């Protein structure tokens, strides 16, 4: 399909309309970072008009990055956004991914490698604390005293705090031996459970 003569937010309107016809993942190329952000904002605007309140937006920015894949730490929001985008695509979400030509050349792990780095925990699950900490290090999380940013983790006895790019807030995991006793989201500013 070739569409010509569109300018401004009309491009995003057509892209959003195509999603309504075929709800599959789509890649939208923008010529620059400023165009990437503008296109994403336009798509989110059309999404907010079409989807019920509370539905997660089906738009994700995939910013160009450094050759290494996501490593937690300061000023690494781009890596976290790319990791979240990969996570959402592997879950099968009909995501509209907006990137630049440079973003297309950003090296990523294969889906198999990405899944191997992904860990899902639930209350009552068994995982040795040391194995959990090794998985966090292998996935590129940064160890800190107090978790405040995406990509960080901390340890205090049987309590492990993790801020995953797949979550809006960090999660506090309480371990009793090798068993996950509880999982609670918390506010990174106050460090209190929410």
N, C-alpha and C. Protein backbone atom coordinates (compact mmCIF):
# COMPACT_ATOMS: atom_id res chain seq x y z
N UNK A 1 0.85 -1.18 0.00
CA UNK A 1 0.00 0.00 0.00
C UNK A 1 0.89 1.23 0.00
N UNK A 2 0.66 2.13 -0.93
CA UNK A 2 1.41 3.37 -1.00
C UNK A 2 0.42 4.52 -0.89
N UNK A 3 0.69 5.41 0.05
CA UNK A 3 -0.15 6.59 0.24
C UNK A 3 0.75 7.80 0.03
N UNK A 4 0.30 8.73 -0.78
CA UNK A 4 1.13 9.87 -1.13
C UNK A 4 0.36 11.16 -0.85
N UNK A 5 1.09 12.25 -0.62
CA UNK A 5 0.48 13.56 -0.47
C UNK A 5 0.01 13.89 0.93
N UNK A 6 0.37 13.07 1.90
CA UNK A 6 -0.02 13.35 3.28
C UNK A 6 1.03 14.24 3.94
N UNK A 7 0.60 15.09 4.82
CA UNK A 7 1.53 15.93 5.56
C UNK A 7 1.02 16.10 6.98
N UNK A 8 1.92 16.47 7.87
CA UNK A 8 1.57 16.69 9.27
C UNK A 8 0.98 15.45 9.92
N UNK A 9 -0.01 15.65 10.77
CA UNK A 9 -0.59 14.55 11.53
C UNK A 9 -1.48 13.64 10.68
N UNK A 10 -1.72 14.01 9.42
CA UNK A 10 -2.51 13.15 8.53
C UNK A 10 -1.81 11.81 8.33
N UNK A 11 -0.48 11.80 8.35
CA UNK A 11 0.27 10.54 8.23
C UNK A 11 -0.09 9.60 9.38
N UNK A 12 -0.10 10.15 10.58
CA UNK A 12 -0.42 9.33 11.75
C UNK A 12 -1.87 8.88 11.74
N UNK A 13 -2.76 9.73 11.26
CA UNK A 13 -4.17 9.36 11.18
C UNK A 13 -4.35 8.17 10.23
N UNK A 14 -3.67 8.19 9.10
CA UNK A 14 -3.76 7.07 8.16
C UNK A 14 -3.14 5.81 8.78
N UNK A 15 -1.99 5.95 9.45
CA UNK A 15 -1.36 4.80 10.10
C UNK A 15 -2.29 4.21 11.15
N UNK A 16 -2.95 5.08 11.92
CA UNK A 16 -3.88 4.58 12.93
C UNK A 16 -5.08 3.90 12.27
N UNK A 17 -5.55 4.47 11.19
CA UNK A 17 -6.67 3.87 10.46
C UNK A 17 -6.32 2.50 9.91
N UNK A 18 -5.10 2.32 9.45
CA UNK A 18 -4.67 1.00 8.96
C UNK A 18 -4.66 -0.02 10.09
N UNK A 19 -4.36 0.42 11.30
CA UNK A 19 -4.38 -0.49 12.45
C UNK A 19 -5.79 -1.01 12.68
N UNK A 20 -6.78 -0.16 12.44
CA UNK A 20 -8.17 -0.58 12.61
C UNK A 20 -8.55 -1.66 11.60
N UNK A 21 -7.96 -1.60 10.40
CA UNK A 21 -8.24 -2.58 9.35
C UNK A 21 -7.49 -3.88 9.62
N UNK A 22 -6.26 -3.79 10.07
CA UNK A 22 -5.42 -4.96 10.29
C UNK A 22 -4.68 -4.80 11.62
N UNK A 23 -5.25 -5.30 12.71
CA UNK A 23 -4.64 -5.12 14.04
C UNK A 23 -3.43 -6.03 14.26
N UNK A 24 -2.36 -5.77 13.52
CA UNK A 24 -1.11 -6.50 13.67
C UNK A 24 -0.01 -5.50 14.03
N UNK A 25 1.13 -5.98 14.49
CA UNK A 25 2.24 -5.05 14.72
C UNK A 25 2.60 -4.32 13.44
N UNK A 26 2.97 -3.06 13.58
CA UNK A 26 3.34 -2.24 12.42
C UNK A 26 4.58 -1.44 12.76
N UNK A 27 5.40 -1.19 11.75
CA UNK A 27 6.60 -0.37 11.91
C UNK A 27 6.39 0.92 11.14
N UNK A 28 6.58 2.04 11.83
CA UNK A 28 6.43 3.36 11.22
C UNK A 28 7.78 4.05 11.31
N UNK A 29 8.33 4.43 10.16
CA UNK A 29 9.63 5.09 10.13
C UNK A 29 9.47 6.60 10.13
N UNK A 30 10.24 7.24 10.98
CA UNK A 30 10.28 8.69 11.04
C UNK A 30 11.69 9.12 10.62
N UNK A 31 11.79 10.30 10.04
CA UNK A 31 13.07 10.73 9.49
C UNK A 31 14.07 11.21 10.55
N UNK A 32 13.60 11.61 11.71
CA UNK A 32 14.49 12.13 12.75
C UNK A 32 13.88 11.86 14.12
N UNK A 33 14.66 12.14 15.17
CA UNK A 33 14.14 11.96 16.53
C UNK A 33 12.96 12.87 16.81
N UNK A 34 13.02 14.12 16.34
CA UNK A 34 11.90 15.03 16.59
C UNK A 34 10.66 14.53 15.85
N UNK A 35 10.83 14.01 14.65
CA UNK A 35 9.70 13.45 13.90
C UNK A 35 9.18 12.18 14.58
N UNK A 36 10.08 11.39 15.16
CA UNK A 36 9.68 10.19 15.91
C UNK A 36 8.75 10.57 17.05
N UNK A 37 9.14 11.58 17.84
CA UNK A 37 8.33 12.00 18.98
C UNK A 37 7.01 12.60 18.52
N UNK A 38 7.04 13.40 17.48
CA UNK A 38 5.82 14.02 16.95
C UNK A 38 4.84 12.94 16.44
N UNK A 39 5.36 11.97 15.70
CA UNK A 39 4.51 10.89 15.18
C UNK A 39 3.91 10.08 16.33
N UNK A 40 4.72 9.77 17.33
CA UNK A 40 4.23 9.02 18.49
C UNK A 40 3.12 9.77 19.21
N UNK A 41 3.32 11.07 19.42
CA UNK A 41 2.29 11.89 20.10
C UNK A 41 1.00 11.90 19.28
N UNK A 42 1.12 12.04 17.95
CA UNK A 42 -0.07 12.03 17.10
C UNK A 42 -0.79 10.69 17.19
N UNK A 43 -0.04 9.59 17.11
CA UNK A 43 -0.65 8.26 17.20
C UNK A 43 -1.32 8.05 18.56
N UNK A 44 -0.67 8.51 19.62
CA UNK A 44 -1.28 8.39 20.96
C UNK A 44 -2.56 9.22 21.06
N UNK A 45 -2.59 10.37 20.40
CA UNK A 45 -3.81 11.18 20.37
C UNK A 45 -4.94 10.39 19.71
N UNK A 46 -4.68 9.81 18.54
CA UNK A 46 -5.72 9.04 17.86
C UNK A 46 -6.10 7.80 18.66
N UNK A 47 -5.12 7.19 19.34
CA UNK A 47 -5.41 6.03 20.19
C UNK A 47 -6.33 6.41 21.34
N UNK A 48 -6.10 7.58 21.93
CA UNK A 48 -6.93 8.00 23.06
C UNK A 48 -8.38 8.25 22.64
N UNK A 49 -8.58 8.60 21.38
CA UNK A 49 -9.94 8.83 20.87
C UNK A 49 -10.64 7.52 20.52
N UNK A 50 -9.84 6.48 20.19
CA UNK A 50 -10.43 5.24 19.69
C UNK A 50 -10.55 4.15 20.75
N UNK A 51 -9.71 4.20 21.79
CA UNK A 51 -9.69 3.13 22.78
C UNK A 51 -10.30 3.60 24.09
N UNK A 52 -10.96 2.69 24.83
CA UNK A 52 -11.54 3.06 26.12
C UNK A 52 -10.45 3.50 27.10
N UNK A 53 -10.84 4.32 28.03
CA UNK A 53 -9.90 4.79 29.06
C UNK A 53 -9.35 3.59 29.81
N UNK A 54 -8.07 3.65 30.09
CA UNK A 54 -7.43 2.57 30.83
C UNK A 54 -6.79 1.52 29.95
N UNK A 55 -7.09 1.50 28.66
CA UNK A 55 -6.47 0.56 27.76
C UNK A 55 -5.05 1.02 27.46
N UNK A 56 -4.06 0.13 27.59
CA UNK A 56 -2.69 0.57 27.32
C UNK A 56 -2.54 1.01 25.87
N UNK A 57 -1.79 2.05 25.66
CA UNK A 57 -1.57 2.58 24.32
C UNK A 57 -0.87 1.54 23.46
N UNK A 58 -1.29 1.45 22.22
CA UNK A 58 -0.71 0.49 21.28
C UNK A 58 0.38 1.14 20.44
N UNK A 59 1.06 2.12 21.01
CA UNK A 59 2.12 2.85 20.33
C UNK A 59 3.37 2.78 21.19
N UNK A 60 4.51 2.50 20.56
CA UNK A 60 5.76 2.46 21.30
C UNK A 60 6.86 3.11 20.48
N UNK A 61 7.64 3.95 21.15
CA UNK A 61 8.81 4.53 20.50
C UNK A 61 9.96 3.54 20.64
N UNK A 62 10.71 3.37 19.57
CA UNK A 62 11.90 2.53 19.57
C UNK A 62 13.07 3.44 19.20
N UNK A 63 13.64 4.13 20.21
CA UNK A 63 14.69 5.11 19.91
C UNK A 63 15.97 4.43 19.46
N UNK A 64 16.74 5.11 18.60
CA UNK A 64 18.03 4.54 18.21
C UNK A 64 18.92 4.42 19.43
N UNK A 65 19.82 3.45 19.40
CA UNK A 65 20.62 3.23 20.59
C UNK A 65 22.06 2.92 20.32
N UNK A 66 22.73 2.59 21.39
CA UNK A 66 24.13 2.20 21.33
C UNK A 66 24.22 0.74 20.91
N UNK A 67 25.38 0.27 20.49
CA UNK A 67 25.50 -1.11 20.06
C UNK A 67 25.14 -2.15 21.13
N UNK A 68 25.35 -1.86 22.40
CA UNK A 68 25.03 -2.84 23.44
C UNK A 68 23.54 -2.79 23.76
N UNK A 69 22.95 -3.95 24.11
CA UNK A 69 21.55 -3.99 24.48
C UNK A 69 21.39 -3.42 25.88
N UNK A 70 20.18 -3.35 26.33
CA UNK A 70 19.83 -2.65 27.56
C UNK A 70 20.70 -3.05 28.74
N UNK A 71 21.28 -2.05 29.35
CA UNK A 71 22.01 -2.19 30.60
C UNK A 71 21.47 -1.12 31.52
N UNK A 72 20.96 -1.54 32.68
CA UNK A 72 20.38 -0.58 33.60
C UNK A 72 21.37 0.50 33.98
N UNK A 73 20.88 1.58 34.51
CA UNK A 73 21.78 2.63 34.96
C UNK A 73 21.26 4.00 34.58
N UNK A 74 22.00 5.00 34.99
CA UNK A 74 21.62 6.38 34.74
C UNK A 74 21.60 6.68 33.25
N UNK A 75 20.64 7.51 32.85
CA UNK A 75 20.54 7.99 31.47
C UNK A 75 20.40 6.85 30.46
N UNK A 76 19.74 5.77 30.83
CA UNK A 76 19.58 4.63 29.94
C UNK A 76 18.12 4.41 29.58
N UNK A 77 17.35 5.47 29.51
CA UNK A 77 15.92 5.32 29.23
C UNK A 77 15.66 4.74 27.85
N UNK A 78 16.51 5.07 26.87
CA UNK A 78 16.34 4.53 25.52
C UNK A 78 16.43 3.02 25.50
N UNK A 79 17.41 2.46 26.23
CA UNK A 79 17.56 1.02 26.30
C UNK A 79 16.33 0.38 26.96
N UNK A 80 15.81 1.02 28.00
CA UNK A 80 14.62 0.50 28.67
C UNK A 80 13.42 0.54 27.73
N UNK A 81 13.28 1.61 26.95
CA UNK A 81 12.16 1.70 25.99
C UNK A 81 12.27 0.61 24.94
N UNK A 82 13.47 0.34 24.45
CA UNK A 82 13.64 -0.72 23.45
C UNK A 82 13.33 -2.08 24.05
N UNK A 83 13.78 -2.34 25.29
CA UNK A 83 13.51 -3.62 25.95
C UNK A 83 12.01 -3.80 26.15
N UNK A 84 11.32 -2.74 26.56
CA UNK A 84 9.88 -2.82 26.76
C UNK A 84 9.16 -3.08 25.44
N UNK A 85 9.61 -2.44 24.38
CA UNK A 85 9.02 -2.65 23.06
C UNK A 85 9.17 -4.11 22.65
N UNK A 86 10.36 -4.68 22.82
CA UNK A 86 10.59 -6.09 22.49
C UNK A 86 9.69 -6.99 23.34
N UNK A 87 9.58 -6.69 24.62
CA UNK A 87 8.74 -7.47 25.53
C UNK A 87 7.29 -7.46 25.05
N UNK A 88 6.79 -6.30 24.69
CA UNK A 88 5.40 -6.19 24.24
C UNK A 88 5.17 -6.90 22.92
N UNK A 89 6.13 -6.82 22.00
CA UNK A 89 5.99 -7.52 20.72
C UNK A 89 6.02 -9.03 20.92
N UNK A 90 6.87 -9.53 21.81
CA UNK A 90 6.92 -10.97 22.06
C UNK A 90 5.65 -11.48 22.74
N UNK A 91 4.93 -10.60 23.44
CA UNK A 91 3.65 -10.98 24.02
C UNK A 91 2.55 -11.01 22.98
N UNK A 92 2.86 -10.51 21.76
CA UNK A 92 1.88 -10.54 20.68
C UNK A 92 0.97 -9.33 20.62
N UNK A 93 1.35 -8.24 21.26
CA UNK A 93 0.52 -7.03 21.20
C UNK A 93 0.53 -6.45 19.79
N UNK A 94 -0.61 -5.93 19.32
CA UNK A 94 -0.65 -5.28 18.00
C UNK A 94 -0.08 -3.86 18.10
N UNK A 95 1.20 -3.79 18.29
CA UNK A 95 1.90 -2.54 18.60
C UNK A 95 2.28 -1.79 17.34
N UNK A 96 2.13 -0.48 17.36
CA UNK A 96 2.67 0.37 16.31
C UNK A 96 3.99 0.92 16.84
N UNK A 97 5.07 0.46 16.24
CA UNK A 97 6.42 0.83 16.66
C UNK A 97 6.92 1.96 15.77
N UNK A 98 7.31 3.06 16.40
CA UNK A 98 7.81 4.22 15.66
C UNK A 98 9.32 4.32 15.92
N UNK A 99 10.09 4.36 14.85
CA UNK A 99 11.54 4.46 14.97
C UNK A 99 12.10 5.24 13.80
N UNK A 100 13.41 5.40 13.80
CA UNK A 100 14.12 6.07 12.72
C UNK A 100 14.92 5.02 11.96
N UNK A 101 15.44 5.35 10.78
CA UNK A 101 16.31 4.39 10.08
C UNK A 101 17.50 3.95 10.94
N UNK A 102 18.05 4.86 11.74
CA UNK A 102 19.15 4.49 12.62
C UNK A 102 18.68 3.49 13.67
N UNK A 103 17.44 3.65 14.14
CA UNK A 103 16.87 2.72 15.11
C UNK A 103 16.79 1.30 14.56
N UNK A 104 16.60 1.17 13.24
CA UNK A 104 16.52 -0.16 12.63
C UNK A 104 17.86 -0.90 12.70
N UNK A 105 18.95 -0.16 12.83
CA UNK A 105 20.27 -0.80 12.87
C UNK A 105 20.73 -1.10 14.29
N UNK A 106 19.91 -0.79 15.30
CA UNK A 106 20.28 -1.06 16.69
C UNK A 106 20.28 -2.57 16.92
N UNK A 107 21.42 -3.13 17.34
CA UNK A 107 21.48 -4.58 17.58
C UNK A 107 20.57 -4.99 18.74
N UNK A 108 19.88 -6.11 18.55
CA UNK A 108 19.00 -6.66 19.57
C UNK A 108 19.27 -8.16 19.71
N UNK A 109 18.97 -8.71 20.88
CA UNK A 109 19.08 -10.17 21.00
C UNK A 109 17.96 -10.81 20.19
N UNK A 110 18.15 -12.07 19.86
CA UNK A 110 17.10 -12.80 19.15
C UNK A 110 15.92 -13.00 20.11
N UNK A 111 14.73 -13.30 19.57
CA UNK A 111 13.59 -13.56 20.48
C UNK A 111 13.91 -14.66 21.50
N UNK A 112 14.63 -15.69 21.09
CA UNK A 112 14.98 -16.77 22.01
C UNK A 112 15.88 -16.25 23.13
N UNK A 113 16.89 -15.44 22.77
CA UNK A 113 17.80 -14.87 23.78
C UNK A 113 17.05 -13.92 24.70
N UNK A 114 16.14 -13.12 24.13
CA UNK A 114 15.38 -12.18 24.94
C UNK A 114 14.51 -12.93 25.95
N UNK A 115 13.84 -13.98 25.49
CA UNK A 115 13.00 -14.77 26.40
C UNK A 115 13.84 -15.41 27.51
N UNK A 116 15.07 -15.81 27.17
CA UNK A 116 15.95 -16.42 28.18
C UNK A 116 16.32 -15.41 29.26
N UNK A 117 16.34 -14.13 28.91
CA UNK A 117 16.67 -13.09 29.89
C UNK A 117 15.45 -12.62 30.68
N UNK A 118 14.27 -13.05 30.26
CA UNK A 118 13.03 -12.63 30.90
C UNK A 118 12.65 -13.61 32.00
N UNK A 119 12.21 -13.06 33.11
CA UNK A 119 11.82 -13.89 34.25
C UNK A 119 10.48 -13.40 34.77
N UNK A 120 9.55 -14.33 34.97
CA UNK A 120 8.25 -14.00 35.54
C UNK A 120 8.17 -14.62 36.92
N UNK A 121 7.86 -13.81 37.90
CA UNK A 121 7.75 -14.29 39.28
C UNK A 121 6.30 -14.16 39.74
N UNK A 122 5.89 -15.08 40.59
CA UNK A 122 4.56 -15.00 41.19
C UNK A 122 4.66 -15.45 42.64
N UNK A 123 3.67 -15.05 43.41
CA UNK A 123 3.64 -15.42 44.82
C UNK A 123 3.61 -16.93 44.93
N UNK A 124 4.46 -17.48 45.79
CA UNK A 124 4.53 -18.93 45.98
C UNK A 124 5.56 -19.61 45.09
N UNK A 125 6.08 -18.90 44.09
CA UNK A 125 7.08 -19.49 43.20
C UNK A 125 8.38 -19.72 43.97
N UNK A 126 9.13 -20.71 43.53
CA UNK A 126 10.41 -20.99 44.18
C UNK A 126 11.54 -20.56 43.27
N UNK A 127 12.44 -19.74 43.82
CA UNK A 127 13.65 -19.33 43.11
C UNK A 127 14.71 -19.00 44.15
N UNK A 128 15.87 -19.64 44.07
CA UNK A 128 16.94 -19.30 45.01
C UNK A 128 17.35 -17.84 44.83
N UNK A 129 17.57 -17.17 45.94
CA UNK A 129 17.91 -15.75 45.90
C UNK A 129 19.12 -15.49 45.01
N UNK A 130 20.16 -16.30 45.13
CA UNK A 130 21.37 -16.09 44.33
C UNK A 130 21.08 -16.27 42.84
N UNK A 131 20.20 -17.20 42.50
CA UNK A 131 19.84 -17.40 41.08
C UNK A 131 19.10 -16.17 40.56
N UNK A 132 18.23 -15.59 41.38
CA UNK A 132 17.52 -14.37 40.99
C UNK A 132 18.51 -13.23 40.76
N UNK A 133 19.47 -13.07 41.65
CA UNK A 133 20.45 -11.99 41.53
C UNK A 133 21.33 -12.19 40.29
N UNK A 134 21.68 -13.43 39.98
CA UNK A 134 22.45 -13.73 38.77
C UNK A 134 21.66 -13.38 37.52
N UNK A 135 20.35 -13.68 37.53
CA UNK A 135 19.51 -13.37 36.37
C UNK A 135 19.41 -11.86 36.17
N UNK A 136 19.31 -11.11 37.27
CA UNK A 136 19.25 -9.65 37.16
C UNK A 136 20.55 -9.10 36.56
N UNK A 137 21.68 -9.62 37.00
CA UNK A 137 22.97 -9.17 36.47
C UNK A 137 23.07 -9.52 34.98
N UNK A 138 22.66 -10.73 34.61
CA UNK A 138 22.74 -11.16 33.21
C UNK A 138 21.84 -10.32 32.31
N UNK A 139 20.70 -9.85 32.85
CA UNK A 139 19.76 -9.03 32.07
C UNK A 139 20.19 -7.57 32.02
N UNK A 140 21.25 -7.19 32.75
CA UNK A 140 21.78 -5.84 32.66
C UNK A 140 21.28 -4.87 33.70
N UNK A 141 20.63 -5.34 34.75
CA UNK A 141 20.18 -4.44 35.81
C UNK A 141 21.35 -3.94 36.62
N UNK A 142 21.22 -2.72 37.15
CA UNK A 142 22.27 -2.10 37.95
C UNK A 142 21.94 -2.24 39.44
N UNK A 143 22.89 -2.72 40.24
CA UNK A 143 22.67 -2.83 41.68
C UNK A 143 22.90 -1.48 42.33
N UNK A 144 21.93 -1.04 43.16
CA UNK A 144 22.00 0.24 43.85
C UNK A 144 21.55 0.05 45.30
N UNK A 145 21.71 1.10 46.10
CA UNK A 145 21.24 1.05 47.49
C UNK A 145 19.72 1.14 47.57
N UNK A 146 19.14 2.09 46.81
CA UNK A 146 17.68 2.28 46.77
C UNK A 146 17.24 2.41 45.32
N UNK A 147 16.27 1.62 44.94
CA UNK A 147 15.77 1.63 43.56
C UNK A 147 14.93 2.87 43.32
N UNK A 148 15.34 3.67 42.32
CA UNK A 148 14.57 4.86 41.97
C UNK A 148 14.35 4.98 40.46
N UNK A 149 15.13 4.24 39.65
CA UNK A 149 15.03 4.34 38.20
C UNK A 149 14.86 2.96 37.57
N UNK A 150 14.29 2.96 36.38
CA UNK A 150 14.15 1.73 35.61
C UNK A 150 15.53 1.12 35.41
N UNK A 151 15.60 -0.22 35.55
CA UNK A 151 16.86 -0.93 35.33
C UNK A 151 17.71 -1.11 36.57
N UNK A 152 17.15 -0.81 37.73
CA UNK A 152 17.92 -0.93 38.97
C UNK A 152 17.34 -2.04 39.84
N UNK A 153 18.17 -2.57 40.74
CA UNK A 153 17.72 -3.52 41.74
C UNK A 153 18.53 -3.30 43.01
N UNK A 154 17.94 -3.68 44.14
CA UNK A 154 18.65 -3.59 45.42
C UNK A 154 18.29 -4.80 46.26
N UNK A 155 19.11 -5.06 47.24
CA UNK A 155 18.95 -6.23 48.11
C UNK A 155 19.13 -5.82 49.55
N UNK A 156 18.17 -6.23 50.39
CA UNK A 156 18.25 -6.05 51.84
C UNK A 156 17.74 -7.33 52.47
N UNK A 157 18.65 -8.21 52.85
CA UNK A 157 18.25 -9.48 53.45
C UNK A 157 17.44 -10.31 52.46
N UNK A 158 16.19 -10.63 52.83
CA UNK A 158 15.32 -11.41 51.96
C UNK A 158 14.42 -10.57 51.09
N UNK A 159 14.73 -9.27 50.99
CA UNK A 159 13.91 -8.36 50.19
C UNK A 159 14.73 -7.90 48.98
N UNK A 160 14.14 -8.09 47.79
CA UNK A 160 14.77 -7.66 46.54
C UNK A 160 13.83 -6.68 45.87
N UNK A 161 14.31 -5.47 45.61
CA UNK A 161 13.55 -4.46 44.88
C UNK A 161 14.04 -4.44 43.44
N UNK A 162 13.11 -4.43 42.49
CA UNK A 162 13.45 -4.44 41.07
C UNK A 162 12.57 -3.44 40.34
N UNK A 163 13.17 -2.64 39.46
CA UNK A 163 12.40 -1.72 38.61
C UNK A 163 12.56 -2.18 37.17
N UNK A 164 11.60 -2.93 36.70
CA UNK A 164 11.60 -3.48 35.35
C UNK A 164 11.05 -2.46 34.36
N UNK A 165 11.56 -2.43 33.12
CA UNK A 165 10.96 -1.54 32.12
C UNK A 165 9.54 -1.95 31.76
N UNK A 166 9.15 -3.17 32.12
CA UNK A 166 7.80 -3.66 31.81
C UNK A 166 6.78 -3.21 32.86
N UNK A 167 7.21 -2.50 33.87
CA UNK A 167 6.31 -2.07 34.95
C UNK A 167 6.35 -0.56 35.11
N UNK A 168 5.20 -0.03 35.54
CA UNK A 168 5.10 1.41 35.78
C UNK A 168 5.81 1.81 37.07
N UNK A 169 5.85 0.90 38.04
CA UNK A 169 6.49 1.14 39.33
C UNK A 169 7.43 -0.02 39.65
N UNK A 170 8.41 0.22 40.52
CA UNK A 170 9.26 -0.90 40.95
C UNK A 170 8.47 -1.88 41.81
N UNK A 171 9.00 -3.09 41.93
CA UNK A 171 8.34 -4.15 42.68
C UNK A 171 9.26 -4.61 43.81
N UNK A 172 8.67 -4.81 44.98
CA UNK A 172 9.40 -5.32 46.14
C UNK A 172 9.04 -6.80 46.29
N UNK A 173 10.07 -7.64 46.26
CA UNK A 173 9.89 -9.09 46.37
C UNK A 173 10.40 -9.52 47.73
N UNK A 174 9.53 -10.14 48.51
CA UNK A 174 9.95 -10.68 49.80
C UNK A 174 10.11 -12.17 49.65
N UNK A 175 11.32 -12.65 49.95
CA UNK A 175 11.62 -14.08 49.86
C UNK A 175 11.65 -14.68 51.26
N UNK A 176 11.09 -15.87 51.37
CA UNK A 176 11.21 -16.65 52.60
C UNK A 176 11.93 -17.92 52.19
N UNK A 177 13.24 -17.95 52.44
CA UNK A 177 14.05 -19.03 51.89
C UNK A 177 14.12 -18.85 50.37
N UNK A 178 13.69 -19.88 49.65
CA UNK A 178 13.68 -19.83 48.19
C UNK A 178 12.28 -19.56 47.64
N UNK A 179 11.33 -19.23 48.49
CA UNK A 179 9.95 -19.02 48.05
C UNK A 179 9.60 -17.54 48.03
N UNK A 180 8.90 -17.12 46.96
CA UNK A 180 8.43 -15.74 46.85
C UNK A 180 7.22 -15.62 47.77
N UNK A 181 7.39 -14.90 48.88
CA UNK A 181 6.32 -14.75 49.86
C UNK A 181 5.34 -13.65 49.46
N UNK A 182 5.86 -12.54 48.90
CA UNK A 182 4.97 -11.47 48.46
C UNK A 182 5.63 -10.64 47.38
N UNK A 183 4.79 -10.00 46.56
CA UNK A 183 5.21 -9.07 45.52
C UNK A 183 4.35 -7.83 45.68
N UNK A 184 4.99 -6.67 45.84
CA UNK A 184 4.23 -5.43 46.02
C UNK A 184 4.89 -4.31 45.24
N UNK A 185 4.07 -3.55 44.52
CA UNK A 185 4.59 -2.34 43.87
C UNK A 185 4.87 -1.31 44.95
N UNK A 186 5.84 -0.44 44.70
CA UNK A 186 6.12 0.62 45.68
C UNK A 186 6.49 1.91 44.96
N UNK A 187 6.34 2.99 45.69
CA UNK A 187 6.67 4.32 45.18
C UNK A 187 8.18 4.52 45.33
N UNK A 188 8.91 4.76 44.21
CA UNK A 188 10.36 4.89 44.33
C UNK A 188 10.80 6.13 45.11
N UNK A 189 9.93 7.14 45.23
CA UNK A 189 10.29 8.35 45.97
C UNK A 189 10.20 8.12 47.48
N UNK A 190 9.07 7.59 47.93
CA UNK A 190 8.88 7.37 49.38
C UNK A 190 9.34 5.99 49.83
N UNK A 191 9.52 5.06 48.88
CA UNK A 191 9.88 3.67 49.16
C UNK A 191 8.77 2.92 49.90
N UNK A 192 7.55 3.48 49.90
CA UNK A 192 6.42 2.83 50.56
C UNK A 192 5.59 2.04 49.56
N UNK A 193 5.04 0.90 50.00
CA UNK A 193 4.20 0.07 49.13
C UNK A 193 2.93 0.82 48.74
N UNK A 194 2.48 0.57 47.52
CA UNK A 194 1.24 1.17 47.03
C UNK A 194 0.26 0.09 46.62
